[in-house]
Amino acid sequence: MTAFTVRLPNSVHQKIKELALREGISVNQFIVCAVSEKMASVLTLDFLKSEATAGNRNDFNHYLSMVPDLAAQVGDEPV
């Protein structure tokens, strides 16, 4: 495990302490969770962009054309 110093504005540090207390976890654990969530978000976007560039519009249209053109079932109507 690695330790490092992070400089935070006092207001941010105070809010982290409040939120960690509310969640019943340590400030350290709160920050680890927040950083992990941000990493997951960025990595997911990277993955989706990568997949999108590998996509083929003709293949998409081919498979879309195979979907039957039916009315929405009860409960699936557009809002």
N, C-alpha and C. Protein backbone atom coordinates (compact mmCIF):
# COMPACT_ATOMS: atom_id res chain seq x y z
N MET A 1 0.85 -1.16 0.00
CA MET A 1 0.00 0.00 0.00
C MET A 1 0.91 1.24 0.00
N THR A 2 0.45 2.29 -0.66
CA THR A 2 1.22 3.51 -0.77
C THR A 2 0.49 4.63 -0.04
N ALA A 3 1.26 5.48 0.60
CA ALA A 3 0.70 6.66 1.25
C ALA A 3 1.23 7.89 0.53
N PHE A 4 0.37 8.90 0.39
CA PHE A 4 0.83 10.15 -0.19
C PHE A 4 0.02 11.30 0.40
N THR A 5 0.59 12.47 0.32
CA THR A 5 -0.04 13.67 0.87
C THR A 5 -0.82 14.38 -0.23
N VAL A 6 -2.02 14.78 0.12
CA VAL A 6 -2.86 15.53 -0.81
C VAL A 6 -3.25 16.83 -0.13
N ARG A 7 -3.07 17.92 -0.83
CA ARG A 7 -3.46 19.22 -0.29
C ARG A 7 -4.89 19.52 -0.74
N LEU A 8 -5.75 19.76 0.23
CA LEU A 8 -7.16 20.05 -0.04
C LEU A 8 -7.54 21.39 0.56
N PRO A 9 -8.42 22.11 -0.08
CA PRO A 9 -8.96 23.30 0.57
C PRO A 9 -9.67 22.88 1.87
N ASN A 10 -9.63 23.74 2.86
CA ASN A 10 -10.24 23.41 4.15
C ASN A 10 -11.71 23.04 4.01
N SER A 11 -12.42 23.74 3.12
CA SER A 11 -13.85 23.46 2.95
C SER A 11 -14.08 22.05 2.41
N VAL A 12 -13.23 21.61 1.49
CA VAL A 12 -13.36 20.26 0.93
C VAL A 12 -13.04 19.23 2.00
N HIS A 13 -11.97 19.47 2.76
CA HIS A 13 -11.59 18.53 3.82
C HIS A 13 -12.71 18.41 4.85
N GLN A 14 -13.30 19.52 5.22
CA GLN A 14 -14.38 19.50 6.21
C GLN A 14 -15.58 18.71 5.68
N LYS A 15 -15.93 18.93 4.41
CA LYS A 15 -17.07 18.22 3.84
C LYS A 15 -16.78 16.72 3.74
N ILE A 16 -15.55 16.34 3.41
CA ILE A 16 -15.18 14.92 3.38
C ILE A 16 -15.33 14.31 4.76
N LYS A 17 -14.88 15.02 5.79
CA LYS A 17 -15.02 14.50 7.16
C LYS A 17 -16.49 14.31 7.51
N GLU A 18 -17.33 15.27 7.15
CA GLU A 18 -18.76 15.16 7.45
C GLU A 18 -19.39 13.98 6.73
N LEU A 19 -19.06 13.83 5.45
CA LEU A 19 -19.64 12.73 4.67
C LEU A 19 -19.15 11.37 5.13
N ALA A 20 -17.88 11.29 5.46
CA ALA A 20 -17.32 10.03 5.97
C ALA A 20 -18.00 9.64 7.29
N LEU A 21 -18.18 10.62 8.15
CA LEU A 21 -18.86 10.36 9.43
C LEU A 21 -20.28 9.88 9.18
N ARG A 22 -20.97 10.55 8.26
CA ARG A 22 -22.34 10.16 7.93
C ARG A 22 -22.41 8.74 7.38
N GLU A 23 -21.39 8.35 6.61
CA GLU A 23 -21.35 7.00 6.03
C GLU A 23 -20.80 5.97 7.02
N GLY A 24 -20.24 6.43 8.13
CA GLY A 24 -19.69 5.51 9.12
C GLY A 24 -18.37 4.91 8.70
N ILE A 25 -17.59 5.65 7.92
CA ILE A 25 -16.29 5.17 7.46
C ILE A 25 -15.23 6.23 7.76
N SER A 26 -13.97 5.84 7.64
CA SER A 26 -12.89 6.79 7.88
C SER A 26 -12.74 7.74 6.68
N VAL A 27 -12.09 8.86 6.93
CA VAL A 27 -11.80 9.80 5.85
C VAL A 27 -10.97 9.10 4.78
N ASN A 28 -10.00 8.32 5.21
CA ASN A 28 -9.16 7.59 4.26
C ASN A 28 -10.00 6.66 3.38
N GLN A 29 -10.89 5.92 4.00
CA GLN A 29 -11.73 5.00 3.24
C GLN A 29 -12.65 5.76 2.29
N PHE A 30 -13.17 6.89 2.74
CA PHE A 30 -14.02 7.71 1.89
C PHE A 30 -13.26 8.16 0.64
N ILE A 31 -12.03 8.63 0.84
CA ILE A 31 -11.22 9.10 -0.29
C ILE A 31 -10.87 7.95 -1.22
N VAL A 32 -10.52 6.79 -0.67
CA VAL A 32 -10.21 5.63 -1.50
C VAL A 32 -11.43 5.26 -2.35
N CYS A 33 -12.61 5.26 -1.75
CA CYS A 33 -13.83 4.93 -2.50
C CYS A 33 -14.10 5.97 -3.58
N ALA A 34 -13.93 7.24 -3.26
CA ALA A 34 -14.18 8.31 -4.23
C ALA A 34 -13.22 8.20 -5.42
N VAL A 35 -11.95 7.96 -5.14
CA VAL A 35 -10.96 7.82 -6.21
C VAL A 35 -11.27 6.57 -7.04
N SER A 36 -11.64 5.49 -6.40
CA SER A 36 -11.97 4.26 -7.12
C SER A 36 -13.17 4.46 -8.03
N GLU A 37 -14.18 5.16 -7.55
CA GLU A 37 -15.36 5.43 -8.37
C GLU A 37 -14.99 6.29 -9.58
N LYS A 38 -14.16 7.28 -9.39
CA LYS A 38 -13.72 8.13 -10.51
C LYS A 38 -12.92 7.32 -11.51
N MET A 39 -12.03 6.47 -11.03
CA MET A 39 -11.25 5.62 -11.93
C MET A 39 -12.17 4.71 -12.74
N ALA A 40 -13.16 4.13 -12.10
CA ALA A 40 -14.09 3.24 -12.80
C ALA A 40 -14.84 4.00 -13.88
N SER A 41 -15.22 5.22 -13.58
CA SER A 41 -15.94 6.04 -14.55
C SER A 41 -15.07 6.35 -15.76
N VAL A 42 -13.84 6.78 -15.53
CA VAL A 42 -12.93 7.10 -16.63
C VAL A 42 -12.61 5.86 -17.45
N LEU A 43 -12.33 4.75 -16.78
CA LEU A 43 -12.01 3.52 -17.50
C LEU A 43 -13.20 3.00 -18.30
N THR A 44 -14.40 3.17 -17.77
CA THR A 44 -15.60 2.76 -18.50
C THR A 44 -15.76 3.59 -19.76
N LEU A 45 -15.57 4.90 -19.65
CA LEU A 45 -15.65 5.75 -20.83
C LEU A 45 -14.59 5.37 -21.87
N ASP A 46 -13.38 5.09 -21.40
CA ASP A 46 -12.33 4.65 -22.32
C ASP A 46 -12.74 3.38 -23.05
N PHE A 47 -13.30 2.42 -22.30
CA PHE A 47 -13.74 1.15 -22.89
C PHE A 47 -14.84 1.38 -23.91
N LEU A 48 -15.84 2.20 -23.55
CA LEU A 48 -16.96 2.44 -24.47
C LEU A 48 -16.50 3.15 -25.73
N LYS A 49 -15.58 4.11 -25.59
CA LYS A 49 -15.05 4.79 -26.78
C LYS A 49 -14.30 3.81 -27.67
N SER A 50 -13.54 2.94 -27.06
CA SER A 50 -12.79 1.93 -27.80
C SER A 50 -13.75 0.99 -28.55
N GLU A 51 -14.79 0.56 -27.88
CA GLU A 51 -15.78 -0.32 -28.50
C GLU A 51 -16.52 0.41 -29.63
N ALA A 52 -16.82 1.68 -29.42
CA ALA A 52 -17.55 2.45 -30.43
C ALA A 52 -16.73 2.59 -31.71
N THR A 53 -15.43 2.78 -31.58
CA THR A 53 -14.59 2.92 -32.77
C THR A 53 -14.46 1.59 -33.51
N ALA A 54 -14.65 0.49 -32.81
CA ALA A 54 -14.56 -0.83 -33.43
C ALA A 54 -15.88 -1.24 -34.09
N GLY A 55 -16.93 -0.46 -33.83
CA GLY A 55 -18.24 -0.79 -34.37
C GLY A 55 -18.32 -0.56 -35.87
N ASN A 56 -19.31 -1.18 -36.48
CA ASN A 56 -19.51 -1.07 -37.91
C ASN A 56 -20.96 -0.70 -38.16
N ARG A 57 -21.21 0.44 -38.79
CA ARG A 57 -22.57 0.93 -39.01
C ARG A 57 -23.39 -0.04 -39.86
N ASN A 58 -22.78 -0.65 -40.86
CA ASN A 58 -23.52 -1.60 -41.69
C ASN A 58 -23.97 -2.81 -40.89
N ASP A 59 -23.11 -3.32 -40.02
CA ASP A 59 -23.51 -4.44 -39.15
C ASP A 59 -24.66 -4.02 -38.24
N PHE A 60 -24.56 -2.82 -37.68
CA PHE A 60 -25.62 -2.31 -36.80
C PHE A 60 -26.94 -2.26 -37.56
N ASN A 61 -26.93 -1.67 -38.74
CA ASN A 61 -28.16 -1.56 -39.52
C ASN A 61 -28.71 -2.93 -39.91
N HIS A 62 -27.82 -3.87 -40.22
CA HIS A 62 -28.25 -5.23 -40.55
C HIS A 62 -29.02 -5.85 -39.39
N TYR A 63 -28.44 -5.81 -38.20
CA TYR A 63 -29.10 -6.42 -37.04
C TYR A 63 -30.33 -5.64 -36.61
N LEU A 64 -30.30 -4.33 -36.77
CA LEU A 64 -31.47 -3.52 -36.44
C LEU A 64 -32.64 -3.86 -37.37
N SER A 65 -32.33 -4.15 -38.61
CA SER A 65 -33.39 -4.48 -39.57
C SER A 65 -34.07 -5.80 -39.23
N MET A 66 -33.44 -6.61 -38.41
CA MET A 66 -34.00 -7.90 -38.02
C MET A 66 -34.99 -7.78 -36.85
N VAL A 67 -35.05 -6.62 -36.24
CA VAL A 67 -35.96 -6.40 -35.11
C VAL A 67 -37.35 -6.13 -35.67
N PRO A 68 -38.36 -6.86 -35.22
CA PRO A 68 -39.71 -6.65 -35.75
C PRO A 68 -40.25 -5.26 -35.37
N ASP A 69 -41.01 -4.68 -36.28
CA ASP A 69 -41.59 -3.36 -36.06
C ASP A 69 -42.98 -3.54 -35.43
N LEU A 70 -43.00 -3.67 -34.12
CA LEU A 70 -44.24 -3.91 -33.39
C LEU A 70 -44.53 -2.74 -32.46
N ALA A 71 -45.78 -2.59 -32.11
CA ALA A 71 -46.15 -1.58 -31.13
C ALA A 71 -45.60 -1.96 -29.77
N ALA A 72 -45.35 -0.96 -28.94
CA ALA A 72 -44.84 -1.21 -27.61
C ALA A 72 -45.86 -2.01 -26.81
N GLN A 73 -45.36 -2.92 -25.98
CA GLN A 73 -46.24 -3.69 -25.11
C GLN A 73 -46.68 -2.80 -23.96
N VAL A 74 -47.75 -3.19 -23.31
CA VAL A 74 -48.25 -2.43 -22.17
C VAL A 74 -47.14 -2.28 -21.13
N GLY A 75 -46.88 -1.06 -20.72
CA GLY A 75 -45.84 -0.79 -19.74
C GLY A 75 -44.52 -0.36 -20.39
N ASP A 76 -44.39 -0.57 -21.70
CA ASP A 76 -43.16 -0.21 -22.40
C ASP A 76 -43.34 1.01 -23.30
N GLU A 77 -44.48 1.70 -23.17
CA GLU A 77 -44.74 2.84 -24.01
C GLU A 77 -43.72 3.95 -23.73
N PRO A 78 -43.36 4.72 -24.77
CA PRO A 78 -42.45 5.85 -24.53
C PRO A 78 -43.13 6.89 -23.63
N VAL A 79 -42.32 7.57 -22.88
CA VAL A 79 -42.84 8.59 -21.95
C VAL A 79 -42.92 9.92 -22.65
